[in-house]
Amino acid sequence: MQVLQSYFTTGLCKVCYRELPSTIEYRSDGAAYITKTCPVHGYQEAMVEKSYEFWDTITQKDPNNPCWDIYNNVSTIEVTDKCNVQCKHCYHDPDNTLQDKSLEWIVTTAKAAPGQVVCLAGAEPTMRKDLPELISEIQNIPYGEYTKLVTVYTNGVKLQNKDYVKELSAVKLSSICMSIHHPNYHNTKVWKNVSSALTNVIEEGIALAQVSFTVENKEQVRHAIEKILWIEEQGMQAQNYCIRSPAKIGVEFDQEREVFASEIYQWISEIAQEKNLSFTKHPNYGSNPYHVGTVLENSLIQVIHWADVSSVDTSYMYMGPWASFIPNTRGTFLIQAILRDGWKKGWWQGQRLVPEVQEVIFRNG
């Protein structure tokens, strides 16, 4: 296969997770690839985009854009490893046997976190019985002339309980992020609960920060668009919607092939045309090949491709939300999730971890 064009960048070794000088290659099959050579584990390559033309033209470099303003102001804190469902694409890989961090530890971490907005995530944050108290404590933390704000990233299952939604509203939860997916993603009972949860949040008037959908094909994208239109018809508009590829991080799953941002973008474009809806690339959203800002009618949709250790171009890992999934480190959400996968497998930036020490640090923080 012929290399038509190439340039230097940085990536990670797929075995030991050390950062390596790398090359992006545009090849005659129309795709873009990342190549690198680890001094210990040898030559590696992976497709980063099915369309090198999409990869080459999608990046927006103006730092004055709404996406950077929002996400660089957000820090994610995982408040539990427990979950009430088992999503096949979960970046976290839940463990219901692990003990939760204390409320005091989380509040202290929130005080030190950069930015005004704290996103409480998991696994599934609603597994904590003290979540309302935790939200209240964090939202009383001073931040300049204001206080910290809290959003919760949830699968929505527990929010099918109207009284629980009212409990979150009573502590003045700033907003909710929900992963909706599609009817065949979970069993029928879970989907029914998630649908009820979305209705409850809308009726209670809690702001939707993000509503996200994991998709593997055009029909699942069609469902996501129809759900977005339904939300808008209810008089609610999320700050943004996220239509994303499955993550090859965390939970291991069988996948026929990788889904790239260019494909999701094309599927949305085709469905929008069928429905006579306007669909354009956002003029200045800080887009890059993994994270593309688009506008469907008046709704902001982020098209996301989850890179993994093999395919990540680390030169694009410059934008929040910020996270500290590995002790004493901080970075972008995606790079922290990828490096934590390496940590769990016993590697940290090229160094082999002692399993006993690794286990103690991970369980005790």
Protein backbone atom coordinates (compact mmCIF):
# COMPACT_ATOMS: atom_id res chain seq x y z
CA MET A 1 0.00 0.00 0.00
CA GLN A 2 1.39 3.38 -1.02
CA VAL A 3 1.97 6.23 1.45
CA LEU A 4 0.72 9.44 -0.19
CA GLN A 5 1.59 11.87 2.60
CA SER A 6 2.92 11.73 6.15
CA TYR A 7 3.79 13.92 9.13
CA PHE A 8 5.20 13.45 12.63
CA THR A 9 3.14 13.30 15.81
CA THR A 10 3.08 11.33 19.09
CA GLY A 11 1.30 8.13 20.15
CA LEU A 12 1.47 5.31 22.68
CA CYS A 13 2.91 1.81 22.68
CA LYS A 14 -0.02 -0.61 22.69
CA VAL A 15 1.78 -2.88 25.19
CA CYS A 16 3.65 -0.68 27.68
CA TYR A 17 1.76 2.62 27.17
CA ARG A 18 4.91 4.75 26.86
CA GLU A 19 4.62 7.85 24.68
CA LEU A 20 6.45 7.45 21.37
CA PRO A 21 7.44 9.56 18.38
CA SER A 22 4.90 8.56 15.73
CA THR A 23 3.90 9.22 12.15
CA ILE A 24 0.49 9.80 10.59
CA GLU A 25 0.35 8.30 7.11
CA TYR A 26 -2.26 8.95 4.42
CA ARG A 27 -2.36 5.78 2.34
CA SER A 28 -3.71 4.79 -1.05
CA ASP A 29 -6.67 2.93 0.49
CA GLY A 30 -8.03 6.35 1.50
CA ALA A 31 -7.43 5.88 5.24
CA ALA A 32 -5.11 7.54 7.76
CA TYR A 33 -2.83 5.41 9.94
CA ILE A 34 -0.57 5.99 12.92
CA THR A 35 2.77 4.18 13.00
CA LYS A 36 5.35 3.99 15.76
CA THR A 37 8.18 1.80 17.02
CA CYS A 38 8.59 0.98 20.70
CA PRO A 39 12.23 0.24 21.69
CA VAL A 40 10.96 -2.81 23.60
CA HIS A 41 7.82 -3.94 21.76
CA GLY A 42 8.69 -3.07 18.18
CA TYR A 43 6.81 -1.65 15.20
CA GLN A 44 3.07 -0.96 15.48
CA GLU A 45 0.42 0.62 13.31
CA ALA A 46 -3.31 1.29 13.50
CA MET A 47 -5.96 2.99 11.40
CA VAL A 48 -6.94 6.31 12.97
CA GLU A 49 -9.56 7.35 10.42
CA LYS A 50 -11.26 5.57 7.54
CA SER A 51 -11.02 8.80 5.52
CA TYR A 52 -7.70 10.67 5.53
CA GLU A 53 -9.43 13.58 3.80
CA PHE A 54 -11.78 13.89 6.81
CA TRP A 55 -8.81 13.58 9.20
CA ASP A 56 -6.87 16.24 7.31
CA THR A 57 -9.61 18.85 7.02
CA ILE A 58 -11.72 18.61 10.18
CA THR A 59 -9.40 20.30 12.72
CA GLN A 60 -10.22 23.86 13.83
CA LYS A 61 -7.35 25.69 15.51
CA ASP A 62 -8.96 28.89 16.81
CA PRO A 63 -8.73 28.67 20.65
CA ASN A 64 -11.59 31.15 21.07
CA ASN A 65 -14.47 28.71 20.71
CA PRO A 66 -17.39 27.63 22.92
CA CYS A 67 -16.24 24.03 23.26
CA TRP A 68 -12.90 24.91 24.86
CA ASP A 69 -14.63 27.46 27.11
CA ILE A 70 -17.02 24.78 28.39
CA TYR A 71 -14.84 21.69 28.68
CA ASN A 72 -11.70 23.33 30.00
CA ASN A 73 -13.89 24.45 32.91
CA VAL A 74 -14.96 20.87 33.80
CA SER A 75 -13.24 18.33 36.06
CA THR A 76 -14.50 14.75 36.25
CA ILE A 77 -14.41 12.91 39.56
CA GLU A 78 -15.37 9.25 39.69
CA VAL A 79 -17.29 8.76 42.93
CA THR A 80 -17.84 4.99 42.73
CA ASP A 81 -16.70 1.89 40.88
CA LYS A 82 -20.14 0.31 41.24
CA CYS A 83 -22.86 0.14 38.61
CA ASN A 84 -26.45 -1.14 38.28
CA VAL A 85 -26.09 -2.23 34.65
CA GLN A 86 -23.29 -3.70 32.56
CA CYS A 87 -22.83 -1.58 29.43
CA LYS A 88 -20.85 -3.49 26.85
CA HIS A 89 -18.86 -0.38 25.86
CA CYS A 90 -18.09 1.02 29.32
CA TYR A 91 -14.70 2.78 29.51
CA HIS A 92 -14.66 2.22 33.26
CA ASP A 93 -15.21 -1.56 33.64
CA PRO A 94 -17.24 -1.44 36.90
CA ASP A 95 -16.47 -3.49 39.99
CA ASN A 96 -19.24 -3.74 42.61
CA THR A 97 -16.83 -5.21 45.17
CA LEU A 98 -14.74 -2.06 45.53
CA GLN A 99 -15.35 0.31 48.42
CA ASP A 100 -16.39 3.86 47.56
CA LYS A 101 -14.15 6.83 48.30
CA SER A 102 -15.35 8.80 51.33
CA LEU A 103 -17.50 11.89 50.95
CA GLU A 104 -14.72 13.92 52.58
CA TRP A 105 -12.15 12.69 50.05
CA ILE A 106 -14.38 13.60 47.11
CA VAL A 107 -15.18 17.07 48.50
CA THR A 108 -11.46 17.73 49.08
CA THR A 109 -10.71 16.58 45.53
CA ALA A 110 -13.46 18.85 44.19
CA LYS A 111 -11.96 21.83 46.02
CA ALA A 112 -8.61 21.23 44.32
CA ALA A 113 -10.08 20.50 40.87
CA PRO A 114 -9.54 23.20 38.22
CA GLY A 115 -12.59 24.92 36.82
CA GLN A 116 -15.97 25.71 38.26
CA VAL A 117 -17.87 22.62 37.09
CA VAL A 118 -17.42 19.24 38.76
CA CYS A 119 -18.80 16.23 36.88
CA LEU A 120 -19.59 13.36 39.24
CA ALA A 121 -19.23 10.14 37.31
CA GLY A 122 -18.58 6.45 37.90
CA ALA A 123 -19.22 3.71 36.84
CA GLU A 124 -22.66 4.92 38.07
CA PRO A 125 -22.75 7.85 40.55
CA THR A 126 -26.37 7.20 41.61
CA MET A 127 -25.14 4.00 43.29
CA ARG A 128 -23.99 6.24 46.16
CA LYS A 129 -26.70 6.67 48.78
CA ASP A 130 -25.12 9.98 49.83
CA LEU A 131 -25.13 11.49 46.32
CA PRO A 132 -27.58 14.33 47.20
CA GLU A 133 -25.45 15.25 50.22
CA LEU A 134 -22.31 15.10 48.09
CA ILE A 135 -23.82 17.41 45.47
CA SER A 136 -24.85 19.89 48.16
CA GLU A 137 -21.39 19.87 49.78
CA ILE A 138 -19.58 20.51 46.49
CA GLN A 139 -21.96 23.23 45.36
CA ASN A 140 -21.14 25.12 48.58
CA ILE A 141 -17.42 25.23 47.71
CA PRO A 142 -16.42 28.85 46.94
CA TYR A 143 -15.17 29.57 43.42
CA GLY A 144 -14.17 33.20 43.06
CA GLU A 145 -17.33 35.26 43.48
CA TYR A 146 -19.44 32.17 42.94
CA THR A 147 -19.50 28.51 44.02
CA LYS A 148 -18.71 25.23 42.32
CA LEU A 149 -21.41 23.70 40.11
CA VAL A 150 -22.15 19.98 39.86
CA THR A 151 -23.32 17.86 36.96
CA VAL A 152 -23.90 14.12 37.24
CA TYR A 153 -23.11 11.65 34.43
CA THR A 154 -25.59 8.79 34.75
CA ASN A 155 -27.09 5.87 32.85
CA GLY A 156 -30.44 7.16 34.10
CA VAL A 157 -31.75 3.91 35.53
CA LYS A 158 -32.32 5.23 39.06
CA LEU A 159 -33.83 8.45 37.70
CA GLN A 160 -36.93 6.50 36.65
CA ASN A 161 -37.91 7.10 40.28
CA LYS A 162 -39.62 10.51 40.33
CA ASP A 163 -39.00 11.00 44.04
CA TYR A 164 -35.26 10.51 43.52
CA VAL A 165 -35.24 13.10 40.72
CA LYS A 166 -37.04 15.52 43.05
CA GLU A 167 -34.39 14.80 45.70
CA LEU A 168 -31.65 15.81 43.26
CA SER A 169 -33.63 18.90 42.29
CA ALA A 170 -34.04 19.86 45.95
CA VAL A 171 -30.26 20.13 46.42
CA LYS A 172 -30.18 22.37 43.30
CA LEU A 173 -28.20 20.00 41.09
CA SER A 174 -26.90 22.21 38.30
CA SER A 175 -27.45 19.74 35.44
CA ILE A 176 -27.60 16.10 34.41
CA CYS A 177 -25.74 14.21 31.70
CA MET A 178 -27.34 10.98 30.50
CA SER A 179 -26.19 8.10 28.31
CA ILE A 180 -29.30 7.04 26.39
CA HIS A 181 -27.95 4.76 23.62
CA HIS A 182 -30.80 2.92 21.80
CA PRO A 183 -33.59 0.37 22.52
CA ASN A 184 -31.46 -2.69 21.73
CA TYR A 185 -28.47 -1.57 23.77
CA HIS A 186 -29.86 -2.95 27.06
CA ASN A 187 -32.74 -5.25 27.84
CA THR A 188 -36.32 -3.98 27.56
CA LYS A 189 -36.63 -3.20 31.27
CA VAL A 190 -33.51 -1.01 31.34
CA TRP A 191 -34.58 0.87 28.21
CA LYS A 192 -38.01 1.51 29.72
CA ASN A 193 -36.40 2.85 32.89
CA VAL A 194 -34.00 5.08 30.95
CA SER A 195 -36.85 6.49 28.85
CA SER A 196 -38.90 7.21 32.01
CA ALA A 197 -35.84 8.84 33.58
CA LEU A 198 -35.44 11.25 30.69
CA THR A 199 -39.11 12.22 30.95
CA ASN A 200 -38.78 12.74 34.71
CA VAL A 201 -35.75 15.00 34.34
CA ILE A 202 -37.50 17.10 31.70
CA GLU A 203 -40.68 17.40 33.78
CA GLU A 204 -38.68 18.37 36.88
CA GLY A 205 -36.89 21.05 34.86
CA ILE A 206 -33.32 19.99 35.66
CA ALA A 207 -31.04 21.18 32.87
CA LEU A 208 -29.63 18.58 30.49
CA ALA A 209 -25.92 19.22 30.01
CA GLN A 210 -25.27 16.32 27.64
CA VAL A 211 -27.30 13.45 26.23
CA SER A 212 -25.14 10.80 24.61
CA PHE A 213 -25.69 7.85 22.30
CA THR A 214 -23.24 5.04 21.48
CA VAL A 215 -23.79 3.87 17.90
CA GLU A 216 -22.46 1.17 15.61
CA ASN A 217 -24.56 1.69 12.48
CA LYS A 218 -26.80 4.11 10.61
CA GLU A 219 -30.06 2.85 12.13
CA GLN A 220 -28.78 3.52 15.63
CA VAL A 221 -27.82 7.03 14.51
CA ARG A 222 -31.36 7.43 13.17
CA HIS A 223 -32.75 6.52 16.58
CA ALA A 224 -30.41 9.05 18.26
CA ILE A 225 -31.61 11.84 15.97
CA GLU A 226 -35.26 10.94 16.59
CA LYS A 227 -34.63 11.02 20.35
CA ILE A 228 -32.93 14.40 20.06
CA LEU A 229 -35.91 15.76 18.12
CA TRP A 230 -38.27 14.35 20.77
CA ILE A 231 -36.35 16.13 23.56
CA GLU A 232 -36.59 19.40 21.64
CA GLU A 233 -40.34 18.86 21.14
CA GLN A 234 -40.75 18.63 24.93
CA GLY A 235 -39.42 22.18 25.22
CA MET A 236 -36.03 21.06 26.57
CA GLN A 237 -32.68 21.48 24.84
CA ALA A 238 -29.51 19.84 26.06
CA GLN A 239 -26.37 21.94 26.10
CA ASN A 240 -25.08 19.41 23.62
CA TYR A 241 -25.76 15.93 22.30
CA CYS A 242 -23.06 13.35 21.75
CA ILE A 243 -23.21 10.63 19.10
CA ARG A 244 -20.14 8.47 19.59
CA SER A 245 -18.45 5.28 18.50
CA PRO A 246 -18.02 2.36 20.94
CA ALA A 247 -14.95 2.62 23.17
CA LYS A 248 -12.32 -0.10 23.05
CA ILE A 249 -11.32 0.99 26.56
CA GLY A 250 -12.35 -0.71 29.77
CA VAL A 251 -14.87 -3.51 29.16
CA GLU A 252 -13.71 -5.93 26.48
CA PHE A 253 -16.30 -6.61 23.78
CA ASP A 254 -16.60 -8.13 20.33
CA GLN A 255 -16.79 -5.59 17.54
CA GLU A 256 -17.03 -6.44 13.86
CA ARG A 257 -15.14 -3.30 12.92
CA GLU A 258 -14.24 0.10 14.30
CA VAL A 259 -16.64 2.99 13.72
CA PHE A 260 -14.97 6.29 12.79
CA ALA A 261 -16.09 9.90 13.11
CA SER A 262 -16.28 10.34 9.33
CA GLU A 263 -18.87 7.55 9.13
CA ILE A 264 -21.04 8.91 11.94
CA TYR A 265 -20.82 12.37 10.36
CA GLN A 266 -21.95 10.93 7.00
CA TRP A 267 -24.81 8.96 8.55
CA ILE A 268 -26.14 12.06 10.32
CA SER A 269 -25.85 14.02 7.09
CA GLU A 270 -27.82 11.42 5.12
CA ILE A 271 -30.56 11.10 7.76
CA ALA A 272 -30.84 14.88 8.07
CA GLN A 273 -31.31 15.12 4.32
CA GLU A 274 -34.03 12.43 4.43
CA LYS A 275 -35.84 14.37 7.16
CA ASN A 276 -35.30 17.74 5.48
CA LEU A 277 -33.27 19.02 8.43
CA SER A 278 -30.31 21.37 8.20
CA PHE A 279 -26.99 19.82 9.19
CA THR A 280 -23.65 21.61 9.10
CA LYS A 281 -20.23 21.53 10.68
CA HIS A 282 -20.01 24.04 13.53
CA PRO A 283 -18.03 27.03 12.22
CA ASN A 284 -15.74 27.26 15.27
CA TYR A 285 -16.02 24.45 17.81
CA GLY A 286 -12.40 23.52 18.28
CA SER A 287 -13.06 20.35 16.30
CA ASN A 288 -10.43 17.67 15.77
CA PRO A 289 -10.63 14.20 14.18
CA TYR A 290 -11.82 12.61 17.42
CA HIS A 291 -14.27 15.34 18.40
CA VAL A 292 -16.32 17.12 15.73
CA GLY A 293 -18.80 19.89 16.47
CA THR A 294 -21.91 19.91 14.25
CA VAL A 295 -25.29 21.64 14.23
CA LEU A 296 -28.54 19.81 13.42
CA GLU A 297 -31.21 22.50 13.01
CA ASN A 298 -30.50 24.42 16.26
CA SER A 299 -29.08 21.48 18.23
CA LEU A 300 -25.37 21.08 18.90
CA ILE A 301 -24.21 17.52 18.22
CA GLN A 302 -20.70 16.32 19.01
CA VAL A 303 -19.52 13.47 16.80
CA ILE A 304 -17.04 11.46 18.86
CA HIS A 305 -14.58 8.73 17.93
CA TRP A 306 -13.11 6.97 20.97
CA ALA A 307 -9.46 6.29 20.25
CA ASP A 308 -7.64 3.59 22.22
CA VAL A 309 -4.00 2.94 23.09
CA SER A 310 -3.28 1.67 19.57
CA SER A 311 -4.90 4.48 17.65
CA VAL A 312 -4.65 7.60 19.83
CA ASP A 313 -2.74 10.57 18.44
CA THR A 314 -1.72 12.18 21.73
CA SER A 315 -1.08 15.54 20.09
CA TYR A 316 -4.88 16.00 20.11
CA MET A 317 -5.21 15.34 23.86
CA TYR A 318 -5.22 19.02 24.82
CA MET A 319 -8.82 19.79 25.81
CA GLY A 320 -10.96 19.04 28.87
CA PRO A 321 -12.93 17.74 30.59
CA TRP A 322 -10.05 17.02 32.95
CA ALA A 323 -9.69 13.88 35.01
CA SER A 324 -7.40 12.22 37.56
CA PHE A 325 -8.14 8.53 37.15
CA ILE A 326 -4.56 7.63 38.05
CA PRO A 327 -3.28 8.85 41.45
CA ASN A 328 -1.20 12.05 41.42
CA THR A 329 -1.79 12.71 37.72
CA ARG A 330 -4.16 14.87 35.72
CA GLY A 331 -4.97 14.98 32.03
CA THR A 332 -7.76 15.00 29.50
CA PHE A 333 -10.58 12.54 30.14
CA LEU A 334 -9.67 10.27 27.22
CA ILE A 335 -5.94 10.05 27.86
CA GLN A 336 -6.57 9.36 31.55
CA ALA A 337 -9.02 6.57 30.64
CA ILE A 338 -6.50 5.04 28.23
CA LEU A 339 -3.60 5.23 30.69
CA ARG A 340 -5.75 3.71 33.43
CA ASP A 341 -6.32 0.73 31.15
CA GLY A 342 -2.55 0.37 30.99
CA TRP A 343 -2.30 0.71 34.76
CA LYS A 344 -4.83 -2.09 35.25
CA LYS A 345 -2.81 -4.25 32.88
CA GLY A 346 0.33 -3.52 34.88
CA TRP A 347 2.00 -0.77 32.80
CA TRP A 348 2.63 2.90 33.45
CA GLN A 349 4.35 4.89 30.68
CA GLY A 350 6.77 2.11 29.80
CA GLN A 351 7.36 0.88 33.32
CA ARG A 352 6.19 -2.54 34.54
CA LEU A 353 4.25 -2.07 37.78
CA VAL A 354 4.66 -4.34 40.77
CA PRO A 355 1.21 -6.02 40.96
CA GLU A 356 0.91 -5.80 44.76
CA VAL A 357 1.73 -2.08 44.82
CA GLN A 358 -0.58 -1.44 41.88
CA GLU A 359 -3.47 -3.13 43.69
CA VAL A 360 -2.96 -1.25 46.93
CA ILE A 361 -2.79 2.15 45.23
CA PHE A 362 -5.85 1.46 43.08
CA ARG A 363 -7.99 0.32 45.99
CA ASN A 364 -6.87 2.99 48.45
CA GLY A 365 -6.39 5.97 46.12
